[in-house]
PDB file of N, CA and C in Angstrom:
ATOM      1  N   UNK A   1      97.946 135.718  62.877  1.00  0.00           N
ATOM      2  CA  UNK A   1      97.583 134.597  63.878  1.00  0.00           C
ATOM      3  C   UNK A   1      97.818 134.836  65.077  1.00  0.00           C
ATOM      4  N   UNK A   2      98.486 136.107  65.351  1.00  0.00           N
ATOM      5  CA  UNK A   2      98.541 136.553  66.978  1.00  0.00           C
ATOM      6  C   UNK A   2      97.269 136.423  67.477  1.00  0.00           C
ATOM      7  N   UNK A   3      96.139 136.760  66.859  1.00  0.00           N
ATOM      8  CA  UNK A   3      94.978 137.244  67.246  1.00  0.00           C
ATOM      9  C   UNK A   3      94.296 135.827  67.603  1.00  0.00           C
ATOM     10  N   UNK A   4      94.175 134.727  66.677  1.00  0.00           N
ATOM     11  CA  UNK A   4      93.598 133.577  66.687  1.00  0.00           C
ATOM     12  C   UNK A   4      94.461 132.697  68.133  1.00  0.00           C
ATOM     13  N   UNK A   5      95.805 133.000  68.145  1.00  0.00           N
ATOM     14  CA  UNK A   5      96.494 132.348  69.259  1.00  0.00           C
ATOM     15  C   UNK A   5      95.888 132.828  70.482  1.00  0.00           C
ATOM     16  N   UNK A   6      95.822 134.109  70.575  1.00  0.00           N
ATOM     17  CA  UNK A   6      95.104 134.626  71.713  1.00  0.00           C
ATOM     18  C   UNK A   6      93.762 134.302  72.383  1.00  0.00           C
ATOM     19  N   UNK A   7      93.017 134.238  71.211  1.00  0.00           N
ATOM     20  CA  UNK A   7      91.701 133.952  71.395  1.00  0.00           C
ATOM     21  C   UNK A   7      91.662 132.504  71.844  1.00  0.00           C
ATOM     22  N   UNK A   8      92.198 131.468  71.169  1.00  0.00           N
ATOM     23  CA  UNK A   8      92.227 130.015  71.338  1.00  0.00           C
ATOM     24  C   UNK A   8      92.983 129.994  72.952  1.00  0.00           C
ATOM     25  N   UNK A   9      94.106 130.863  73.185  1.00  0.00           N
ATOM     26  CA  UNK A   9      94.335 130.370  74.584  1.00  0.00           C
ATOM     27  C   UNK A   9      93.577 131.129  75.745  1.00  0.00           C
ATOM     28  N   UNK A  10      92.730 132.077  75.544  1.00  0.00           N
ATOM     29  CA  UNK A  10      91.773 132.340  76.473  1.00  0.00           C
ATOM     30  C   UNK A  10      90.670 131.577  76.540  1.00  0.00           C
ATOM     31  N   UNK A  11      90.345 130.760  75.496  1.00  0.00           N
ATOM     32  CA  UNK A  11      89.077 129.840  75.696  1.00  0.00           C
ATOM     33  C   UNK A  11      89.315 128.426  76.228  1.00  0.00           C
ATOM     34  N   UNK A  12      90.707 128.011  75.851  1.00  0.00           N
ATOM     35  CA  UNK A  12      91.199 126.757  76.017  1.00  0.00           C
ATOM     36  C   UNK A  12      92.369 126.623  77.193  1.00  0.00           C
ATOM     37  N   UNK A  13      92.189 127.183  78.283  1.00  0.00           N
ATOM     38  CA  UNK A  13      93.215 127.295  79.232  1.00  0.00           C
ATOM     39  C   UNK A  13      93.148 125.788  79.913  1.00  0.00           C
ATOM     40  N   UNK A  14      94.524 125.636  80.156  1.00  0.00           N
ATOM     41  CA  UNK A  14      94.886 124.099  80.527  1.00  0.00           C
ATOM     42  C   UNK A  14      96.380 124.024  81.178  1.00  0.00           C
ATOM     43  N   UNK A  15      96.830 122.989  81.496  1.00  0.00           N
ATOM     44  CA  UNK A  15      98.101 123.026  81.560  1.00  0.00           C
ATOM     45  C   UNK A  15      99.048 123.456  80.578  1.00  0.00           C
ATOM     46  N   UNK A  16     100.157 123.602  81.117  1.00  0.00           N
ATOM     47  CA  UNK A  16     101.255 124.124  79.875  1.00  0.00           C
ATOM     48  C   UNK A  16     102.554 123.412  80.067  1.00  0.00           C
ATOM     49  N   UNK A  17     102.496 122.338  80.936  1.00  0.00           N
ATOM     50  CA  UNK A  17     103.887 121.448  81.119  1.00  0.00           C
ATOM     51  C   UNK A  17     103.632 120.199  80.279  1.00  0.00           C
ATOM     52  N   UNK A  18     102.317 120.140  79.721  1.00  0.00           N
ATOM     53  CA  UNK A  18     102.193 118.776  79.173  1.00  0.00           C
ATOM     54  C   UNK A  18     100.714 119.064  78.248  1.00  0.00           C
ATOM     55  N   UNK A  19     100.923 118.281  76.940  1.00  0.00           N
ATOM     56  CA  UNK A  19      99.769 118.376  76.039  1.00  0.00           C
ATOM     57  C   UNK A  19      99.716 116.834  75.329  1.00  0.00           C
ATOM     58  N   UNK A  20      98.724 116.585  74.782  1.00  0.00           N
ATOM     59  CA  UNK A  20      98.503 115.588  74.223  1.00  0.00           C
ATOM     60  C   UNK A  20      98.586 115.659  72.738  1.00  0.00           C
ATOM     61  N   UNK A  21      99.045 114.357  71.954  1.00  0.00           N
ATOM     62  CA  UNK A  21      99.138 114.435  70.679  1.00  0.00           C
ATOM     63  C   UNK A  21      98.467 113.212  70.171  1.00  0.00           C
ATOM     64  N   UNK A  22      97.741 113.589  69.039  1.00  0.00           N
ATOM     65  CA  UNK A  22      96.877 112.447  68.232  1.00  0.00           C
ATOM     66  C   UNK A  22      97.720 111.315  67.582  1.00  0.00           C
ATOM     67  N   UNK A  23      97.374 110.267  67.844  1.00  0.00           N
ATOM     68  CA  UNK A  23      97.900 109.036  67.227  1.00  0.00           C
ATOM     69  C   UNK A  23      96.902 108.153  66.345  1.00  0.00           C
ATOM     70  N   UNK A  24      97.494 107.571  65.369  1.00  0.00           N
ATOM     71  CA  UNK A  24      96.532 106.698  64.545  1.00  0.00           C
ATOM     72  C   UNK A  24      97.378 105.356  64.310  1.00  0.00           C
ATOM     73  N   UNK A  25      96.702 104.140  64.532  1.00  0.00           N
ATOM     74  CA  UNK A  25      97.735 103.037  64.187  1.00  0.00           C
ATOM     75  C   UNK A  25      96.544 101.916  64.002  1.00  0.00           C
ATOM     76  N   UNK A  26      96.808 101.155  62.890  1.00  0.00           N
ATOM     77  CA  UNK A  26      95.982  99.878  62.468  1.00  0.00           C
ATOM     78  C   UNK A  26      94.507 100.170  62.699  1.00  0.00           C
ATOM     79  N   UNK A  27      93.893 101.066  62.081  1.00  0.00           N
ATOM     80  CA  UNK A  27      92.595 101.291  62.211  1.00  0.00           C
ATOM     81  C   UNK A  27      91.805 102.088  63.646  1.00  0.00           C
ATOM     82  N   UNK A  28      92.867 102.323  64.695  1.00  0.00           N
ATOM     83  CA  UNK A  28      92.440 102.854  65.743  1.00  0.00           C
ATOM     84  C   UNK A  28      93.414 104.164  66.331  1.00  0.00           C
ATOM     85  N   UNK A  29      92.539 104.881  66.971  1.00  0.00           N
ATOM     86  CA  UNK A  29      93.008 106.447  66.999  1.00  0.00           C
ATOM     87  C   UNK A  29      92.988 106.871  68.645  1.00  0.00           C
ATOM     88  N   UNK A  30      93.544 107.695  69.005  1.00  0.00           N
ATOM     89  CA  UNK A  30      93.557 108.135  70.265  1.00  0.00           C
ATOM     90  C   UNK A  30      94.523 109.402  70.662  1.00  0.00           C
ATOM     91  N   UNK A  31      94.549 109.556  71.936  1.00  0.00           N
ATOM     92  CA  UNK A  31      95.546 110.935  72.257  1.00  0.00           C
ATOM     93  C   UNK A  31      96.579 110.066  73.463  1.00  0.00           C
ATOM     94  N   UNK A  32      97.619 110.855  73.415  1.00  0.00           N
ATOM     95  CA  UNK A  32      98.732 110.422  74.604  1.00  0.00           C
ATOM     96  C   UNK A  32      99.396 111.573  74.747  1.00  0.00           C
ATOM     97  N   UNK A  33      99.918 111.651  76.254  1.00  0.00           N
ATOM     98  CA  UNK A  33     100.737 112.889  76.299  1.00  0.00           C
ATOM     99  C   UNK A  33     102.182 112.946  75.511  1.00  0.00           C
ATOM    100  N   UNK A  34     102.492 114.049  75.095  1.00  0.00           N
ATOM    101  CA  UNK A  34     103.662 114.210  74.429  1.00  0.00           C
ATOM    102  C   UNK A  34     104.875 114.209  75.044  1.00  0.00           C
ATOM    103  N   UNK A  35     105.922 113.393  74.905  1.00  0.00           N
ATOM    104  CA  UNK A  35     107.370 113.224  75.558  1.00  0.00           C
ATOM    105  C   UNK A  35     108.240 113.685  74.736  1.00  0.00           C
ATOM    106  N   UNK A  36     109.057 114.060  75.465  1.00  0.00           N
ATOM    107  CA  UNK A  36     110.637 114.297  74.987  1.00  0.00           C
ATOM    108  C   UNK A  36     111.401 113.042  75.457  1.00  0.00           C
ATOM    109  N   UNK A  37     112.153 112.656  74.624  1.00  0.00           N
ATOM    110  CA  UNK A  37     113.175 111.454  75.087  1.00  0.00           C
ATOM    111  C   UNK A  37     114.093 111.172  74.006  1.00  0.00           C
ATOM    112  N   UNK A  38     114.802 110.386  74.348  1.00  0.00           N
ATOM    113  CA  UNK A  38     116.031 109.786  73.266  1.00  0.00           C
ATOM    114  C   UNK A  38     115.434 108.323  72.833  1.00  0.00           C
ATOM    115  N   UNK A  39     114.923 108.574  71.545  1.00  0.00           N
ATOM    116  CA  UNK A  39     114.467 107.188  70.884  1.00  0.00           C
ATOM    117  C   UNK A  39     115.236 106.036  70.875  1.00  0.00           C
ATOM    118  N   UNK A  40     116.626 106.404  70.520  1.00  0.00           N
ATOM    119  CA  UNK A  40     117.676 105.342  70.679  1.00  0.00           C
ATOM    120  C   UNK A  40     117.857 104.617  71.976  1.00  0.00           C
ATOM    121  N   UNK A  41     117.741 105.491  73.083  1.00  0.00           N
ATOM    122  CA  UNK A  41     117.648 104.716  74.669  1.00  0.00           C
ATOM    123  C   UNK A  41     116.433 104.104  74.872  1.00  0.00           C
ATOM    124  N   UNK A  42     115.560 104.571  74.123  1.00  0.00           N
ATOM    125  CA  UNK A  42     114.240 103.712  74.482  1.00  0.00           C
ATOM    126  C   UNK A  42     114.188 102.608  73.835  1.00  0.00           C
ATOM    127  N   UNK A  43     114.978 102.558  72.471  1.00  0.00           N
ATOM    128  CA  UNK A  43     114.649 101.068  71.823  1.00  0.00           C
ATOM    129  C   UNK A  43     115.710 100.078  72.608  1.00  0.00           C
ATOM    130  N   UNK A  44     116.505 100.854  73.063  1.00  0.00           N
ATOM    131  CA  UNK A  44     117.723  99.710  74.130  1.00  0.00           C
ATOM    132  C   UNK A  44     116.975  99.096  75.251  1.00  0.00           C
ATOM    133  N   UNK A  45     116.241 100.157  75.984  1.00  0.00           N
ATOM    134  CA  UNK A  45     115.175  99.775  77.159  1.00  0.00           C
ATOM    135  C   UNK A  45     114.263  98.762  76.659  1.00  0.00           C
ATOM    136  N   UNK A  46     113.624  98.963  75.604  1.00  0.00           N
ATOM    137  CA  UNK A  46     112.362  97.805  74.900  1.00  0.00           C
ATOM    138  C   UNK A  46     113.152  96.574  74.751  1.00  0.00           C
ATOM    139  N   UNK A  47     114.581  96.636  74.113  1.00  0.00           N
ATOM    140  CA  UNK A  47     115.074  95.637  73.728  1.00  0.00           C
ATOM    141  C   UNK A  47     115.622  94.468  75.111  1.00  0.00           C
ATOM    142  N   UNK A  48     115.591  95.377  75.949  1.00  0.00           N
ATOM    143  CA  UNK A  48     115.731  94.539  77.423  1.00  0.00           C
ATOM    144  C   UNK A  48     114.512  94.123  78.286  1.00  0.00           C
ATOM    145  N   UNK A  49     113.319  94.196  77.477  1.00  0.00           N
ATOM    146  CA  UNK A  49     112.170  93.750  78.167  1.00  0.00           C
ATOM    147  C   UNK A  49     111.353  94.723  78.762  1.00  0.00           C
ATOM    148  N   UNK A  50     111.843  96.265  78.497  1.00  0.00           N
ATOM    149  CA  UNK A  50     111.008  97.637  79.508  1.00  0.00           C
ATOM    150  C   UNK A  50     109.885  97.697  78.321  1.00  0.00           C
ATOM    151  N   UNK A  51     109.301  98.510  79.064  1.00  0.00           N
ATOM    152  CA  UNK A  51     108.177  98.933  78.464  1.00  0.00           C
ATOM    153  C   UNK A  51     108.283 100.765  78.142  1.00  0.00           C
ATOM    154  N   UNK A  52     107.364 101.248  77.528  1.00  0.00           N
ATOM    155  CA  UNK A  52     107.190 102.928  77.565  1.00  0.00           C
ATOM    156  C   UNK A  52     106.896 103.352  78.834  1.00  0.00           C
ATOM    157  N   UNK A  53     105.794 102.651  79.324  1.00  0.00           N
ATOM    158  CA  UNK A  53     105.397 103.030  80.738  1.00  0.00           C
ATOM    159  C   UNK A  53     106.515 103.247  81.831  1.00  0.00           C
ATOM    160  N   UNK A  54     107.584 102.159  81.766  1.00  0.00           N
ATOM    161  CA  UNK A  54     108.429 102.112  82.968  1.00  0.00           C
ATOM    162  C   UNK A  54     109.494 102.729  82.399  1.00  0.00           C
ATOM    163  N   UNK A  55     109.752 103.228  81.193  1.00  0.00           N
ATOM    164  CA  UNK A  55     110.963 103.930  80.991  1.00  0.00           C
ATOM    165  C   UNK A  55     111.060 105.207  81.413  1.00  0.00           C
ATOM    166  N   UNK A  56     112.448 105.242  82.008  1.00  0.00           N
ATOM    167  CA  UNK A  56     112.532 106.422  83.327  1.00  0.00           C
ATOM    168  C   UNK A  56     113.000 107.628  82.605  1.00  0.00           C
ATOM    169  N   UNK A  57     113.884 107.598  81.541  1.00  0.00           N
ATOM    170  CA  UNK A  57     114.202 108.725  80.735  1.00  0.00           C
ATOM    171  C   UNK A  57     113.313 109.487  79.866  1.00  0.00           C
ATOM    172  N   UNK A  58     112.152 109.589  79.958  1.00  0.00           N
ATOM    173  CA  UNK A  58     111.161 110.497  79.341  1.00  0.00           C
ATOM    174  C   UNK A  58     110.635 111.728  80.259  1.00  0.00           C
ATOM    175  N   UNK A  59     110.414 112.508  79.549  1.00  0.00           N
ATOM    176  CA  UNK A  59     109.586 113.991  80.400  1.00  0.00           C
ATOM    177  C   UNK A  59     108.439 114.484  79.544  1.00  0.00           C
ATOM    178  N   UNK A  60     107.441 114.818  80.015  1.00  0.00           N
ATOM    179  CA  UNK A  60     106.775 115.582  79.233  1.00  0.00           C
ATOM    180  C   UNK A  60     107.120 116.642  78.298  1.00  0.00           C
ATOM    181  N   UNK A  61     106.422 116.952  77.175  1.00  0.00           N
ATOM    182  CA  UNK A  61     106.723 117.892  76.406  1.00  0.00           C
ATOM    183  C   UNK A  61     105.854 119.078  76.714  1.00  0.00           C
ATOM    184  N   UNK A  62     106.509 120.339  77.123  1.00  0.00           N
ATOM    185  CA  UNK A  62     105.381 121.573  77.200  1.00  0.00           C
ATOM    186  C   UNK A  62     104.642 122.077  76.030  1.00  0.00           C
ATOM    187  N   UNK A  63     103.477 122.514  76.290  1.00  0.00           N
ATOM    188  CA  UNK A  63     103.026 123.037  75.037  1.00  0.00           C
ATOM    189  C   UNK A  63     103.515 124.539  74.958  1.00  0.00           C
ATOM    190  N   UNK A  64     103.770 124.658  73.528  1.00  0.00           N
ATOM    191  CA  UNK A  64     104.163 125.924  73.222  1.00  0.00           C
ATOM    192  C   UNK A  64     103.224 126.810  72.103  1.00  0.00           C
ATOM    193  N   UNK A  65     103.494 127.969  71.997  1.00  0.00           N
ATOM    194  CA  UNK A  65     102.722 128.499  70.679  1.00  0.00           C
ATOM    195  C   UNK A  65     102.801 127.782  69.492  1.00  0.00           C
ATOM    196  N   UNK A  66     103.798 127.521  69.330  1.00  0.00           N
ATOM    197  CA  UNK A  66     104.416 126.686  67.986  1.00  0.00           C
ATOM    198  C   UNK A  66     103.465 125.713  67.738  1.00  0.00           C
ATOM    199  N   UNK A  67     103.259 124.919  68.818  1.00  0.00           N
ATOM    200  CA  UNK A  67     102.415 123.515  68.591  1.00  0.00           C
ATOM    201  C   UNK A  67     101.143 123.904  68.493  1.00  0.00           C
ATOM    202  N   UNK A  68     100.524 125.040  69.193  1.00  0.00           N
ATOM    203  CA  UNK A  68      99.206 125.376  69.218  1.00  0.00           C
ATOM    204  C   UNK A  68      98.774 125.938  67.623  1.00  0.00           C
ATOM    205  N   UNK A  69      99.980 126.800  67.195  1.00  0.00           N
ATOM    206  CA  UNK A  69      99.723 127.402  65.910  1.00  0.00           C
ATOM    207  C   UNK A  69      99.809 126.267  64.790  1.00  0.00           C
ATOM    208  N   UNK A  70     100.566 125.325  64.875  1.00  0.00           N
ATOM    209  CA  UNK A  70     100.514 124.244  63.990  1.00  0.00           C
ATOM    210  C   UNK A  70      99.182 123.325  64.051  1.00  0.00           C
ATOM    211  N   UNK A  71      98.560 123.139  65.329  1.00  0.00           N
ATOM    212  CA  UNK A  71      97.141 122.957  65.479  1.00  0.00           C
ATOM    213  C   UNK A  71      96.372 123.683  64.634  1.00  0.00           C
ATOM    214  N   UNK A  72      96.055 124.741  65.030  1.00  0.00           N
ATOM    215  CA  UNK A  72      95.258 125.723  64.357  1.00  0.00           C
ATOM    216  C   UNK A  72      95.271 125.787  62.755  1.00  0.00           C
ATOM    217  N   UNK A  73      96.776 125.636  62.242  1.00  0.00           N
ATOM    218  CA  UNK A  73      96.882 125.568  60.941  1.00  0.00           C
ATOM    219  C   UNK A  73      96.661 124.282  60.343  1.00  0.00           C
ATOM    220  N   UNK A  74      96.091 123.221  61.040  1.00  0.00           N
ATOM    221  CA  UNK A  74      95.834 121.882  60.455  1.00  0.00           C
ATOM    222  C   UNK A  74      97.186 120.895  60.417  1.00  0.00           C
ATOM    223  N   UNK A  75      98.207 121.154  60.637  1.00  0.00           N
ATOM    224  CA  UNK A  75      99.445 120.749  60.571  1.00  0.00           C
ATOM    225  C   UNK A  75      99.640 119.544  61.627  1.00  0.00           C
ATOM    226  N   UNK A  76      98.770 119.542  62.670  1.00  0.00           N
ATOM    227  CA  UNK A  76      99.021 118.285  63.740  1.00  0.00           C
ATOM    228  C   UNK A  76      97.709 118.687  64.362  1.00  0.00           C
ATOM    229  N   UNK A  77      97.268 117.496  64.927  1.00  0.00           N
ATOM    230  CA  UNK A  77      96.082 117.348  66.069  1.00  0.00           C
ATOM    231  C   UNK A  77      96.658 117.228  67.364  1.00  0.00           C
ATOM    232  N   UNK A  78      96.497 118.213  68.437  1.00  0.00           N
ATOM    233  CA  UNK A  78      96.783 118.295  69.602  1.00  0.00           C
ATOM    234  C   UNK A  78      95.553 118.147  70.488  1.00  0.00           C
ATOM    235  N   UNK A  79      96.000 117.908  71.879  1.00  0.00           N
ATOM    236  CA  UNK A  79      94.796 118.258  72.996  1.00  0.00           C
ATOM    237  C   UNK A  79      95.457 118.826  74.185  1.00  0.00           C
ATOM    238  N   UNK A  80      94.529 119.445  74.868  1.00  0.00           N
ATOM    239  CA  UNK A  80      95.273 120.030  76.124  1.00  0.00           C
ATOM    240  C   UNK A  80      94.609 119.400  77.350  1.00  0.00           C
ATOM    241  N   UNK A  81      95.040 119.184  78.245  1.00  0.00           N
ATOM    242  CA  UNK A  81      94.746 118.990  79.614  1.00  0.00           C
ATOM    243  C   UNK A  81      93.928 120.097  80.494  1.00  0.00           C
ATOM    244  N   UNK A  82      92.822 119.737  80.660  1.00  0.00           N
ATOM    245  CA  UNK A  82      92.212 121.021  81.162  1.00  0.00           C
ATOM    246  C   UNK A  82      92.150 120.906  82.704  1.00  0.00           C
ATOM    247  N   UNK A  83      92.326 119.931  83.352  1.00  0.00           N
ATOM    248  CA  UNK A  83      92.537 119.854  84.908  1.00  0.00           C
ATOM    249  C   UNK A  83      94.027 119.964  85.096  1.00  0.00           C
ATOM    250  N   UNK A  84      93.941 121.186  85.770  1.00  0.00           N
ATOM    251  CA  UNK A  84      95.300 121.643  86.598  1.00  0.00           C
ATOM    252  C   UNK A  84      95.828 120.590  87.386  1.00  0.00           C
ATOM    253  N   UNK A  85      97.207 120.973  87.655  1.00  0.00           N
ATOM    254  CA  UNK A  85      97.700 120.209  88.976  1.00  0.00           C
ATOM    255  C   UNK A  85      97.195 120.083  90.355  1.00  0.00           C
ATOM    256  N   UNK A  86      96.449 121.381  90.310  1.00  0.00           N
ATOM    257  CA  UNK A  86      95.929 121.496  91.797  1.00  0.00           C
ATOM    258  C   UNK A  86      94.468 121.081  91.842  1.00  0.00           C
ATOM    259  N   UNK A  87      93.956 120.452  90.832  1.00  0.00           N
ATOM    260  CA  UNK A  87      92.876 119.816  90.811  1.00  0.00           C
ATOM    261  C   UNK A  87      91.534 120.817  90.437  1.00  0.00           C
ATOM    262  N   UNK A  88      91.718 121.853  89.903  1.00  0.00           N
ATOM    263  CA  UNK A  88      91.116 123.105  89.295  1.00  0.00           C
ATOM    264  C   UNK A  88      91.191 122.959  87.642  1.00  0.00           C
ATOM    265  N   UNK A  89      90.050 123.693  87.456  1.00  0.00           N
ATOM    266  CA  UNK A  89      89.777 123.707  85.684  1.00  0.00           C
ATOM    267  C   UNK A  89      89.298 125.385  85.442  1.00  0.00           C
ATOM    268  N   UNK A  90      89.653 125.426  84.118  1.00  0.00           N
ATOM    269  CA  UNK A  90      89.132 126.700  83.570  1.00  0.00           C
ATOM    270  C   UNK A  90      87.748 126.334  82.960  1.00  0.00           C
ATOM    271  N   UNK A  91      87.417 125.354  82.685  1.00  0.00           N
ATOM    272  CA  UNK A  91      86.706 125.099  81.779  1.00  0.00           C
ATOM    273  C   UNK A  91      85.717 123.831  81.929  1.00  0.00           C
ATOM    274  N   UNK A  92      84.588 123.295  81.919  1.00  0.00           N
ATOM    275  CA  UNK A  92      83.847 121.922  81.795  1.00  0.00           C
ATOM    276  C   UNK A  92      83.314 121.744  80.282  1.00  0.00           C
ATOM    277  N   UNK A  93      83.814 120.733  79.499  1.00  0.00           N
ATOM    278  CA  UNK A  93      82.800 120.743  78.268  1.00  0.00           C
ATOM    279  C   UNK A  93      82.328 119.258  78.526  1.00  0.00           C
ATOM    280  N   UNK A  94      81.014 119.470  77.949  1.00  0.00           N
ATOM    281  CA  UNK A  94      79.935 118.265  78.081  1.00  0.00           C
ATOM    282  C   UNK A  94      79.411 117.830  76.800  1.00  0.00           C
ATOM    283  N   UNK A  95      79.119 116.736  76.689  1.00  0.00           N
ATOM    284  CA  UNK A  95      78.718 116.033  75.155  1.00  0.00           C
ATOM    285  C   UNK A  95      77.739 115.305  75.556  1.00  0.00           C
ATOM    286  N   UNK A  96      76.231 115.781  75.118  1.00  0.00           N
ATOM    287  CA  UNK A  96      75.189 114.819  75.482  1.00  0.00           C
ATOM    288  C   UNK A  96      74.710 113.986  74.154  1.00  0.00           C
ATOM    289  N   UNK A  97      75.158 113.055  73.880  1.00  0.00           N
ATOM    290  CA  UNK A  97      74.903 112.305  72.765  1.00  0.00           C
ATOM    291  C   UNK A  97      73.785 111.267  73.016  1.00  0.00           C
ATOM    292  N   UNK A  98      73.924 110.403  74.349  1.00  0.00           N
ATOM    293  CA  UNK A  98      72.849 109.663  74.679  1.00  0.00           C
ATOM    294  C   UNK A  98      72.360 109.859  76.063  1.00  0.00           C
ATOM    295  N   UNK A  99      71.006 109.834  76.145  1.00  0.00           N
ATOM    296  CA  UNK A  99      70.365 109.916  77.361  1.00  0.00           C
ATOM    297  C   UNK A  99      71.047 109.300  78.547  1.00  0.00           C
ATOM    298  N   UNK A 100      70.969 109.816  79.927  1.00  0.00           N
ATOM    299  CA  UNK A 100      71.545 108.872  81.147  1.00  0.00           C
ATOM    300  C   UNK A 100      70.292 107.942  81.473  1.00  0.00           C
ATOM    301  N   UNK A 101      69.125 108.265  81.142  1.00  0.00           N
ATOM    302  CA  UNK A 101      68.160 107.289  81.610  1.00  0.00           C
ATOM    303  C   UNK A 101      66.968 107.352  80.288  1.00  0.00           C
ATOM    304  N   UNK A 102      66.824 105.828  80.534  1.00  0.00           N
ATOM    305  CA  UNK A 102      65.798 105.756  79.098  1.00  0.00           C
ATOM    306  C   UNK A 102      64.424 106.601  79.378  1.00  0.00           C
ATOM    307  N   UNK A 103      64.059 106.856  80.433  1.00  0.00           N
ATOM    308  CA  UNK A 103      62.955 107.809  80.637  1.00  0.00           C
ATOM    309  C   UNK A 103      63.120 109.234  80.421  1.00  0.00           C
ATOM    310  N   UNK A 104      64.282 109.493  80.095  1.00  0.00           N
ATOM    311  CA  UNK A 104      64.607 110.960  79.548  1.00  0.00           C
ATOM    312  C   UNK A 104      65.456 111.298  78.350  1.00  0.00           C
ATOM    313  N   UNK A 105      65.337 112.329  77.823  1.00  0.00           N
ATOM    314  CA  UNK A 105      66.023 112.671  76.459  1.00  0.00           C
ATOM    315  C   UNK A 105      67.482 113.371  76.885  1.00  0.00           C
ATOM    316  N   UNK A 106      68.080 113.784  75.722  1.00  0.00           N
ATOM    317  CA  UNK A 106      69.420 114.304  76.142  1.00  0.00           C
ATOM    318  C   UNK A 106      69.312 115.896  76.299  1.00  0.00           C
ATOM    319  N   UNK A 107      68.062 116.532  75.919  1.00  0.00           N
ATOM    320  CA  UNK A 107      67.464 117.688  76.434  1.00  0.00           C
ATOM    321  C   UNK A 107      67.279 117.796  77.916  1.00  0.00           C
ATOM    322  N   UNK A 108      66.815 116.842  78.433  1.00  0.00           N
ATOM    323  CA  UNK A 108      66.499 116.791  79.965  1.00  0.00           C
ATOM    324  C   UNK A 108      67.812 116.608  80.643  1.00  0.00           C
ATOM    325  N   UNK A 109      68.661 115.866  79.976  1.00  0.00           N
ATOM    326  CA  UNK A 109      70.071 115.749  80.600  1.00  0.00           C
ATOM    327  C   UNK A 109      70.780 117.194  80.857  1.00  0.00           C
ATOM    328  N   UNK A 110      70.615 117.818  79.584  1.00  0.00           N
ATOM    329  CA  UNK A 110      71.194 119.375  79.389  1.00  0.00           C
ATOM    330  C   UNK A 110      70.550 120.237  80.514  1.00  0.00           C
ATOM    331  N   UNK A 111      69.437 120.281  80.500  1.00  0.00           N
ATOM    332  CA  UNK A 111      68.700 120.990  81.489  1.00  0.00           C
ATOM    333  C   UNK A 111      68.867 120.740  82.805  1.00  0.00           C
ATOM    334  N   UNK A 112      69.175 119.409  82.887  1.00  0.00           N
ATOM    335  CA  UNK A 112      70.025 119.095  84.600  1.00  0.00           C
ATOM    336  C   UNK A 112      71.413 119.544  84.818  1.00  0.00           C
ATOM    337  N   UNK A 113      72.134 119.352  83.747  1.00  0.00           N
ATOM    338  CA  UNK A 113      73.340 119.710  83.624  1.00  0.00           C
ATOM    339  C   UNK A 113      73.644 121.453  84.079  1.00  0.00           C
ATOM    340  N   UNK A 114      72.677 122.102  83.079  1.00  0.00           N
ATOM    341  CA  UNK A 114      72.817 123.413  83.531  1.00  0.00           C
ATOM    342  C   UNK A 114      72.139 123.864  84.840  1.00  0.00           C
ATOM    343  N   UNK A 115      71.002 123.169  85.335  1.00  0.00           N
ATOM    344  CA  UNK A 115      70.608 123.769  86.666  1.00  0.00           C
ATOM    345  C   UNK A 115      71.651 123.509  87.898  1.00  0.00           C
ATOM    346  N   UNK A 116      72.660 122.189  87.463  1.00  0.00           N
ATOM    347  CA  UNK A 116      73.846 122.039  88.656  1.00  0.00           C
ATOM    348  C   UNK A 116      74.528 123.173  88.439  1.00  0.00           C
ATOM    349  N   UNK A 117      75.164 123.404  87.149  1.00  0.00           N
ATOM    350  CA  UNK A 117      75.984 124.723  87.095  1.00  0.00           C
ATOM    351  C   UNK A 117      75.543 125.714  87.633  1.00  0.00           C
ATOM    352  N   UNK A 118      74.171 126.283  87.578  1.00  0.00           N
ATOM    353  CA  UNK A 118      73.789 127.362  88.104  1.00  0.00           C
ATOM    354  C   UNK A 118      73.877 127.189  89.617  1.00  0.00           C
ATOM    355  N   UNK A 119      73.298 126.252  90.049  1.00  0.00           N
ATOM    356  CA  UNK A 119      73.276 125.976  91.548  1.00  0.00           C
ATOM    357  C   UNK A 119      74.826 126.309  92.184  1.00  0.00           C
ATOM    358  N   UNK A 120      75.672 125.909  91.827  1.00  0.00           N
ATOM    359  CA  UNK A 120      77.061 126.236  91.977  1.00  0.00           C
ATOM    360  C   UNK A 120      77.697 127.414  91.439  1.00  0.00           C
ATOM    361  N   UNK A 121      76.969 128.321  90.865  1.00  0.00           N
ATOM    362  CA  UNK A 121      77.474 129.498  90.395  1.00  0.00           C
ATOM    363  C   UNK A 121      78.575 129.112  89.126  1.00  0.00           C
ATOM    364  N   UNK A 122      78.439 128.099  88.544  1.00  0.00           N
ATOM    365  CA  UNK A 122      79.399 128.155  87.462  1.00  0.00           C
ATOM    366  C   UNK A 122      78.628 128.698  86.146  1.00  0.00           C
ATOM    367  N   UNK A 123      79.261 129.593  85.304  1.00  0.00           N
ATOM    368  CA  UNK A 123      78.710 130.284  84.146  1.00  0.00           C
ATOM    369  C   UNK A 123      78.716 128.869  83.391  1.00  0.00           C
ATOM    370  N   UNK A 124      77.176 129.557  82.576  1.00  0.00           N
ATOM    371  CA  UNK A 124      77.029 128.210  81.391  1.00  0.00           C
ATOM    372  C   UNK A 124      76.760 128.829  79.932  1.00  0.00           C
ATOM    373  N   UNK A 125      77.503 128.502  78.885  1.00  0.00           N
ATOM    374  CA  UNK A 125      77.346 128.716  77.792  1.00  0.00           C
ATOM    375  C   UNK A 125      76.722 127.750  77.048  1.00  0.00           C
ATOM    376  N   UNK A 126      75.483 127.784  76.369  1.00  0.00           N
ATOM    377  CA  UNK A 126      74.790 126.735  75.677  1.00  0.00           C
ATOM    378  C   UNK A 126      75.273 126.755  74.122  1.00  0.00           C
ATOM    379  N   UNK A 127      75.984 127.890  73.359  1.00  0.00           N
ATOM    380  CA  UNK A 127      76.033 127.759  72.151  1.00  0.00           C
ATOM    381  C   UNK A 127      77.625 127.962  71.680  1.00  0.00           C
TER     382      UNK A 127
END
């Protein structure tokens, strides 16, 4: 697993002070930041009309190797935040399902994207 962890971390570099957890509820799903908090205190806060958003006693859960290993082993689904705190990123991921314009195809959009990356000297992997 050490090798897989090293490969994963070399490809998916992002913030280490926070990560996202996948949730599913009532037929809906999404991602949200993972937090460390005392759930009993949150229940008290909520009983007084508070919300999770305004609950002051929560902090981000740092991304650990154990959480990544759980993800790679299929025990949990997590996501990472590629945008770093200084507004830089190690990667750009793009998905071209629908064309931007009715007069162009998704292939044209891909070619435009690649051309812009090359213009700004951003390395592009197409596979």
